[in-house]
Amino acid sequence: MVAAQEVTLPRNCTFSPTDWQALAPFWYPVAFSHEITLDKPFGTRLLDERLVIYRVSDGSIIVARDLCLHRGAPLSLGWIERDRLVCPYHGVQYDCNAQCVHIPAQPEAAIPGRLKLKTYPVMERYGLVWTRLIDNGPVPFPELSEWDDPDYIQVLPNAVELNAAAGRQVEGFLDVSHFAFIHAKSFGEGDNPIVPDYAIEQTPHGFRADYVSTVSNYPHGMKHLAPPDFLWRRLFEVWLPFTAKLTVFFPHGKLHVLNAASPVSARKTRVFVPICRNFDKDAPLQDTLDFNHQVFDEDKAIVEEQWPEDLPINLADEVHIAGDKSSITFRKRLAALGLGRSYTT
């Protein structure tokens, strides 16, 4: 782990210093690939750090701190010109290596070596742009290999904007005992709330929860499509800290949902949800989008109202039942990363 003195926290950081340093080395999605174009930079935030993202003509993407060191202007308000990011304040230009290469006010003068953007590693996967704010060695990258499998169709819903902590959102995604209540209008079955026991397997990148029940994953109105007494298997795989993959085993194939929660700040989260399936390939994709948005809106309504707003890492702060094994494991593994007792204060 990078020592505290080597890290400069973002301005107005909402995380404790130790929490920020524990979270910053991991990969998070920060934009859709289609949002990053050749003519306009894209501005966003991750862990309170202001980022600018831009694409150059060879297709590569640059993620940098959204700050021109000349006079502090946000570069996301600028534009792209001949593969150069142009500052909107004084027209200072940065090339694809993030180095300043032109100052219009003094075109013949030597360019200060310090006039270079702070950049971050980039990965473009599953229709998303990913980055990490501290590069202190390899960390596991979330896997959704089915996205590139020609046997699968791909669906990319809109991001879910939450006024809630990423930890609360991910824990809710892993929870299986709320189906009958929060999702009563989409797929939950009010007369089937019992949570059967399920297995937890620790992995180097997080853990797996293998859950089998009779609760159908079909939306209401389509429940009849499953054979009588069909057992529904839901396999959850977690990549710490805030990405989880759900595989639902349908009667005729598999559905994969990647829940990638990107912590904009301590209590603001943008969730990206790439989905792919290898059945019902001719069904309208809009139906899948509508169902996904409904389910995540149902979760959003309750997650934004939970308090304490931050996920309690200390297990004694809340009461647990047997069906909470995923939640308990999640909190223990976050604590092992170095997150504070209340993540985050």
Protein backbone atom coordinates (compact mmCIF):
# COMPACT_ATOMS: atom_id res chain seq x y z
CA MET A 1 0.00 0.00 0.00
CA VAL A 2 1.22 3.50 -0.82
CA ALA A 3 2.34 5.41 2.25
CA ALA A 4 0.13 8.27 3.41
CA GLN A 5 2.75 10.95 2.75
CA GLU A 6 2.96 9.96 -0.93
CA VAL A 7 -0.74 10.56 -1.57
CA THR A 8 -2.46 13.89 -2.12
CA LEU A 9 -6.15 13.60 -1.40
CA PRO A 10 -8.62 15.29 -3.75
CA ARG A 11 -9.85 18.74 -2.83
CA ASN A 12 -12.87 18.58 -0.47
CA CYS A 13 -12.42 14.83 -0.13
CA THR A 14 -15.41 13.15 1.53
CA PHE A 15 -13.44 10.02 2.47
CA SER A 16 -11.13 9.58 5.43
CA PRO A 17 -7.49 9.45 4.28
CA THR A 18 -7.16 5.75 5.12
CA ASP A 19 -10.40 4.82 3.37
CA TRP A 20 -9.41 6.77 0.26
CA GLN A 21 -6.03 5.05 0.09
CA ALA A 22 -7.65 1.65 0.57
CA LEU A 23 -10.08 2.23 -2.32
CA ALA A 24 -7.95 4.16 -4.82
CA PRO A 25 -5.84 1.23 -6.18
CA PHE A 26 -8.85 -0.64 -7.59
CA TRP A 27 -10.45 -0.45 -11.03
CA TYR A 28 -13.73 1.44 -11.44
CA PRO A 29 -15.80 2.33 -14.51
CA VAL A 30 -15.99 6.08 -15.02
CA ALA A 31 -17.78 6.43 -18.37
CA PHE A 32 -19.47 4.59 -21.20
CA SER A 33 -17.20 4.06 -24.20
CA HIS A 34 -19.71 5.86 -26.41
CA GLU A 35 -19.46 8.96 -24.19
CA ILE A 36 -15.79 9.44 -25.10
CA THR A 37 -15.60 10.99 -28.56
CA LEU A 38 -12.91 12.50 -30.77
CA ASP A 39 -14.16 16.07 -30.55
CA LYS A 40 -15.11 16.76 -26.93
CA PRO A 41 -13.55 15.83 -23.59
CA PHE A 42 -15.69 14.20 -20.92
CA GLY A 43 -15.63 15.29 -17.29
CA THR A 44 -16.49 13.09 -14.32
CA ARG A 45 -15.41 12.27 -10.77
CA LEU A 46 -14.09 9.20 -9.00
CA LEU A 47 -13.45 9.11 -5.25
CA ASP A 48 -13.84 12.92 -5.32
CA GLU A 49 -11.05 13.28 -7.90
CA ARG A 50 -12.08 15.39 -10.89
CA LEU A 51 -11.20 13.57 -14.11
CA VAL A 52 -11.13 14.49 -17.78
CA ILE A 53 -11.34 11.72 -20.37
CA TYR A 54 -10.61 12.10 -24.08
CA ARG A 55 -10.07 9.92 -27.11
CA VAL A 56 -7.53 10.36 -29.92
CA SER A 57 -7.69 9.25 -33.54
CA ASP A 58 -6.01 5.87 -33.02
CA GLY A 59 -8.86 4.97 -30.69
CA SER A 60 -6.88 5.14 -27.47
CA ILE A 61 -8.27 6.91 -24.41
CA ILE A 62 -6.53 9.20 -21.94
CA VAL A 63 -7.78 9.69 -18.39
CA ALA A 64 -6.22 12.63 -16.57
CA ARG A 65 -6.80 14.94 -13.64
CA ASP A 66 -9.22 17.62 -14.79
CA LEU A 67 -6.89 20.50 -14.12
CA CYS A 68 -4.74 22.72 -16.30
CA LEU A 69 -1.71 23.62 -14.18
CA HIS A 70 -1.33 26.95 -15.98
CA ARG A 71 -4.28 28.70 -14.27
CA GLY A 72 -6.44 25.98 -12.76
CA ALA A 73 -9.10 25.69 -15.44
CA PRO A 74 -11.07 22.44 -15.85
CA LEU A 75 -9.99 20.87 -19.13
CA SER A 76 -13.33 19.09 -19.48
CA LEU A 77 -14.75 22.47 -20.57
CA GLY A 78 -12.31 22.55 -23.50
CA TRP A 79 -12.22 20.67 -26.80
CA ILE A 80 -10.14 18.30 -28.92
CA GLU A 81 -8.15 19.65 -31.85
CA ARG A 82 -5.86 17.43 -33.96
CA ASP A 83 -5.63 14.86 -31.14
CA ARG A 84 -4.78 17.60 -28.67
CA LEU A 85 -6.77 18.51 -25.59
CA VAL A 86 -7.24 22.27 -25.58
CA CYS A 87 -7.72 24.26 -22.38
CA PRO A 88 -10.74 26.60 -22.65
CA TYR A 89 -9.06 29.41 -20.68
CA HIS A 90 -5.86 30.18 -22.61
CA GLY A 91 -5.83 27.58 -25.40
CA VAL A 92 -2.95 25.58 -23.92
CA GLN A 93 -2.72 22.27 -25.80
CA TYR A 94 -1.85 18.80 -24.48
CA ASP A 95 -0.93 15.87 -26.72
CA CYS A 96 -1.85 12.19 -26.37
CA ASN A 97 1.00 11.79 -23.86
CA ALA A 98 -0.66 14.52 -21.72
CA GLN A 99 2.34 16.80 -22.27
CA CYS A 100 1.80 20.46 -23.10
CA VAL A 101 2.98 21.02 -26.68
CA HIS A 102 1.63 24.49 -27.51
CA ILE A 103 1.00 27.76 -25.67
CA PRO A 104 -0.74 30.21 -28.05
CA ALA A 105 0.32 33.31 -26.09
CA GLN A 106 4.01 32.36 -26.47
CA PRO A 107 4.30 29.91 -29.37
CA GLU A 108 8.10 30.19 -29.66
CA ALA A 109 8.94 30.05 -25.96
CA ALA A 110 10.18 26.94 -24.20
CA ILE A 111 7.38 24.96 -22.56
CA PRO A 112 7.83 24.30 -18.85
CA GLY A 113 8.33 20.60 -18.19
CA ARG A 114 5.87 20.75 -15.28
CA LEU A 115 3.06 21.67 -17.67
CA LYS A 116 1.96 18.08 -18.00
CA LEU A 117 -1.26 16.41 -16.93
CA LYS A 118 -1.42 13.79 -14.20
CA THR A 119 -2.73 10.68 -15.96
CA TYR A 120 -4.18 7.39 -14.77
CA PRO A 121 -4.24 3.83 -16.14
CA VAL A 122 -7.05 3.02 -18.58
CA MET A 123 -8.94 -0.12 -19.55
CA GLU A 124 -11.82 -0.23 -22.03
CA ARG A 125 -14.00 -3.26 -21.34
CA TYR A 126 -17.69 -4.24 -21.61
CA GLY A 127 -18.64 -0.95 -23.24
CA LEU A 128 -17.11 0.98 -20.33
CA VAL A 129 -13.99 3.02 -19.60
CA TRP A 130 -12.22 1.96 -16.37
CA THR A 131 -9.45 3.59 -14.37
CA ARG A 132 -7.67 3.47 -11.00
CA LEU A 133 -6.23 6.40 -9.07
CA ILE A 134 -3.23 4.65 -7.48
CA ASP A 135 -1.12 2.21 -9.47
CA ASN A 136 0.77 0.28 -6.81
CA GLY A 137 0.88 -3.08 -8.54
CA PRO A 138 -1.59 -5.45 -10.21
CA VAL A 139 -5.09 -5.84 -8.79
CA PRO A 140 -7.79 -8.21 -10.10
CA PHE A 141 -9.96 -6.84 -12.89
CA PRO A 142 -13.69 -7.76 -12.88
CA GLU A 143 -14.43 -10.52 -15.37
CA LEU A 144 -17.35 -10.60 -17.80
CA SER A 145 -15.88 -12.80 -20.51
CA GLU A 146 -19.34 -13.50 -21.91
CA TRP A 147 -19.48 -9.92 -23.20
CA ASP A 148 -17.12 -10.90 -26.03
CA ASP A 149 -18.67 -14.33 -26.63
CA PRO A 150 -20.51 -14.41 -29.99
CA ASP A 151 -23.08 -16.75 -28.46
CA TYR A 152 -24.30 -13.90 -26.24
CA ILE A 153 -26.19 -10.69 -26.92
CA GLN A 154 -25.10 -7.53 -25.11
CA VAL A 155 -27.33 -5.00 -23.37
CA LEU A 156 -26.00 -1.76 -21.88
CA PRO A 157 -28.58 0.06 -19.73
CA ASN A 158 -28.26 3.64 -18.59
CA ALA A 159 -26.15 4.17 -15.49
CA VAL A 160 -27.96 4.32 -12.17
CA GLU A 161 -27.27 7.56 -10.28
CA LEU A 162 -27.51 7.11 -6.52
CA ASN A 163 -27.28 9.48 -3.58
CA ALA A 164 -25.91 6.62 -1.52
CA ALA A 165 -22.63 4.96 -0.59
CA ALA A 166 -21.24 2.41 -3.03
CA GLY A 167 -20.93 -0.14 -0.23
CA ARG A 168 -24.63 0.10 0.59
CA GLN A 169 -25.55 -0.36 -3.09
CA VAL A 170 -23.34 -3.40 -3.64
CA GLU A 171 -24.51 -5.05 -0.43
CA GLY A 172 -28.10 -4.57 -1.61
CA PHE A 173 -27.26 -6.17 -4.95
CA LEU A 174 -25.89 -9.22 -3.10
CA ASP A 175 -28.88 -9.47 -0.75
CA VAL A 176 -31.37 -12.27 -1.49
CA SER A 177 -33.86 -11.75 1.33
CA HIS A 178 -35.37 -8.51 0.01
CA PHE A 179 -36.80 -9.97 -3.23
CA ALA A 180 -40.29 -10.57 -1.81
CA PHE A 181 -40.56 -7.00 -0.54
CA ILE A 182 -38.55 -4.45 -2.53
CA HIS A 183 -39.10 -6.26 -5.84
CA ALA A 184 -42.74 -7.20 -5.30
CA LYS A 185 -43.78 -5.26 -8.43
CA SER A 186 -41.07 -6.61 -10.74
CA PHE A 187 -40.26 -10.26 -9.98
CA GLY A 188 -40.41 -10.80 -6.20
CA GLU A 189 -42.89 -13.26 -4.76
CA GLY A 190 -44.57 -12.06 -1.59
CA ASP A 191 -45.70 -15.56 -0.68
CA ASN A 192 -42.17 -16.95 -1.06
CA PRO A 193 -39.88 -14.93 1.26
CA ILE A 194 -37.89 -17.79 2.82
CA VAL A 195 -34.14 -17.75 2.13
CA PRO A 196 -32.65 -21.25 1.84
CA ASP A 197 -29.12 -21.76 3.11
CA TYR A 198 -26.40 -21.06 0.55
CA ALA A 199 -22.66 -21.57 0.19
CA ILE A 200 -19.95 -18.90 0.41
CA GLU A 201 -16.55 -19.50 -1.21
CA GLN A 202 -13.64 -17.14 -0.61
CA THR A 203 -11.63 -16.11 -3.69
CA PRO A 204 -8.45 -14.05 -4.15
CA HIS A 205 -10.50 -11.15 -5.54
CA GLY A 206 -13.46 -11.42 -3.18
CA PHE A 207 -15.93 -14.26 -2.79
CA ARG A 208 -18.70 -16.29 -4.45
CA ALA A 209 -22.20 -16.90 -3.13
CA ASP A 210 -24.10 -19.77 -4.77
CA TYR A 211 -27.82 -19.43 -4.08
CA VAL A 212 -30.61 -21.78 -5.18
CA SER A 213 -34.31 -21.10 -4.53
CA THR A 214 -37.76 -21.40 -6.11
CA VAL A 215 -38.08 -17.64 -6.64
CA SER A 216 -38.44 -17.11 -10.39
CA ASN A 217 -36.33 -14.46 -12.09
CA TYR A 218 -38.99 -13.93 -14.76
CA PRO A 219 -41.02 -10.72 -14.37
CA HIS A 220 -44.63 -10.95 -13.35
CA GLY A 221 -46.69 -11.95 -16.35
CA MET A 222 -43.95 -14.27 -17.61
CA LYS A 223 -43.59 -16.61 -14.61
CA HIS A 224 -45.37 -19.34 -16.57
CA LEU A 225 -42.36 -19.67 -18.91
CA ALA A 226 -40.39 -21.65 -16.32
CA PRO A 227 -41.08 -25.39 -15.95
CA PRO A 228 -43.00 -26.37 -12.80
CA ASP A 229 -40.75 -26.82 -9.75
CA PHE A 230 -37.77 -25.30 -11.60
CA LEU A 231 -34.96 -24.40 -9.19
CA TRP A 232 -33.39 -21.01 -9.81
CA ARG A 233 -29.66 -20.78 -9.29
CA ARG A 234 -28.11 -17.35 -8.76
CA LEU A 235 -24.32 -17.23 -8.59
CA PHE A 236 -22.85 -14.01 -7.18
CA GLU A 237 -19.14 -13.26 -7.71
CA VAL A 238 -17.54 -10.27 -5.99
CA TRP A 239 -14.48 -8.30 -7.05
CA LEU A 240 -13.58 -6.06 -4.16
CA PRO A 241 -14.37 -3.46 -3.36
CA PHE A 242 -17.51 -2.59 -5.34
CA THR A 243 -18.08 -4.84 -8.36
CA ALA A 244 -20.28 -7.94 -8.36
CA LYS A 245 -21.38 -10.27 -11.12
CA LEU A 246 -24.70 -12.11 -10.97
CA THR A 247 -25.25 -15.18 -13.13
CA VAL A 248 -28.85 -16.38 -13.24
CA PHE A 249 -29.38 -19.87 -14.62
CA PHE A 250 -32.57 -19.74 -16.69
CA PRO A 251 -34.32 -22.84 -18.09
CA HIS A 252 -32.73 -22.33 -21.51
CA GLY A 253 -29.53 -20.39 -20.85
CA LYS A 254 -27.69 -17.92 -18.65
CA LEU A 255 -28.09 -14.24 -17.84
CA HIS A 256 -25.05 -12.30 -16.61
CA VAL A 257 -25.35 -8.93 -14.88
CA LEU A 258 -22.25 -6.96 -13.88
CA ASN A 259 -23.00 -4.49 -11.08
CA ALA A 260 -20.05 -2.08 -11.15
CA ALA A 261 -20.53 0.65 -8.55
CA SER A 262 -18.30 3.66 -9.13
CA PRO A 263 -17.94 5.83 -6.00
CA VAL A 264 -18.18 9.42 -7.21
CA SER A 265 -17.87 10.49 -3.58
CA ALA A 266 -18.49 8.88 -0.21
CA ARG A 267 -22.26 9.15 -0.59
CA LYS A 268 -22.77 9.51 -4.32
CA THR A 269 -22.47 6.51 -6.65
CA ARG A 270 -22.82 5.85 -10.36
CA VAL A 271 -23.64 2.21 -11.11
CA PHE A 272 -22.85 0.69 -14.50
CA VAL A 273 -24.69 -2.52 -15.41
CA PRO A 274 -23.52 -4.40 -18.54
CA ILE A 275 -25.82 -7.36 -19.21
CA CYS A 276 -25.50 -10.31 -21.58
CA ARG A 277 -27.49 -13.50 -22.18
CA ASN A 278 -27.36 -16.52 -24.50
CA PHE A 279 -31.12 -17.15 -24.84
CA ASP A 280 -34.16 -15.26 -26.19
CA LYS A 281 -31.80 -13.56 -28.61
CA ASP A 282 -34.64 -12.34 -30.82
CA ALA A 283 -36.63 -10.80 -27.97
CA PRO A 284 -36.82 -6.98 -27.97
CA LEU A 285 -33.86 -5.53 -26.08
CA GLN A 286 -36.08 -2.73 -24.81
CA ASP A 287 -37.93 -5.25 -22.66
CA THR A 288 -34.66 -6.17 -20.95
CA LEU A 289 -33.76 -2.51 -20.49
CA ASP A 290 -37.16 -1.68 -19.02
CA PHE A 291 -37.04 -4.62 -16.60
CA ASN A 292 -33.50 -3.79 -15.48
CA HIS A 293 -34.39 -0.13 -14.91
CA GLN A 294 -37.44 -1.15 -12.88
CA VAL A 295 -35.45 -3.49 -10.64
CA PHE A 296 -32.68 -0.96 -10.03
CA ASP A 297 -35.18 1.84 -9.39
CA GLU A 298 -36.81 -0.34 -6.74
CA ASP A 299 -33.42 -0.82 -5.08
CA LYS A 300 -32.56 2.87 -5.41
CA ALA A 301 -35.69 3.91 -3.52
CA ILE A 302 -34.66 2.01 -0.38
CA VAL A 303 -30.85 2.30 -0.58
CA GLU A 304 -31.02 6.10 -0.67
CA GLU A 305 -33.04 6.04 2.57
CA GLN A 306 -30.78 3.72 4.60
CA TRP A 307 -28.94 5.11 7.58
CA PRO A 308 -26.34 5.35 8.75
CA GLU A 309 -25.64 6.36 5.19
CA ASP A 310 -22.23 4.72 5.19
CA LEU A 311 -21.93 0.94 5.27
CA PRO A 312 -21.18 -0.20 8.84
CA ILE A 313 -18.03 -2.27 8.67
CA ASN A 314 -18.22 -3.06 12.37
CA LEU A 315 -20.56 -6.08 12.44
CA ALA A 316 -21.83 -5.19 15.91
CA ASP A 317 -23.42 -1.98 14.58
CA GLU A 318 -26.32 -3.84 12.94
CA VAL A 319 -28.21 -7.08 13.62
CA HIS A 320 -27.70 -10.02 11.25
CA ILE A 321 -29.68 -13.14 10.34
CA ALA A 322 -28.64 -16.38 8.66
CA GLY A 323 -29.65 -15.11 5.22
CA ASP A 324 -27.12 -12.28 5.52
CA LYS A 325 -24.06 -14.44 4.89
CA SER A 326 -23.15 -12.49 1.74
CA SER A 327 -23.46 -9.16 3.56
CA ILE A 328 -21.39 -10.36 6.49
CA THR A 329 -18.69 -11.71 4.20
CA PHE A 330 -18.69 -8.50 2.17
CA ARG A 331 -18.18 -6.35 5.26
CA LYS A 332 -15.43 -8.58 6.60
CA ARG A 333 -13.54 -8.47 3.29
CA LEU A 334 -13.88 -4.67 3.09
CA ALA A 335 -12.49 -4.42 6.61
CA ALA A 336 -9.53 -6.56 5.52
CA LEU A 337 -8.82 -4.00 2.78
CA GLY A 338 -8.33 -1.39 5.49
CA LEU A 339 -11.66 0.42 5.43
CA GLY A 340 -12.65 2.05 8.70
CA ARG A 341 -15.21 0.79 11.18
CA SER A 342 -17.99 2.90 9.70
CA TYR A 343 -16.73 3.31 6.13
CA THR A 344 -16.52 6.17 5.83
CA THR A 345 -16.54 8.89 8.46
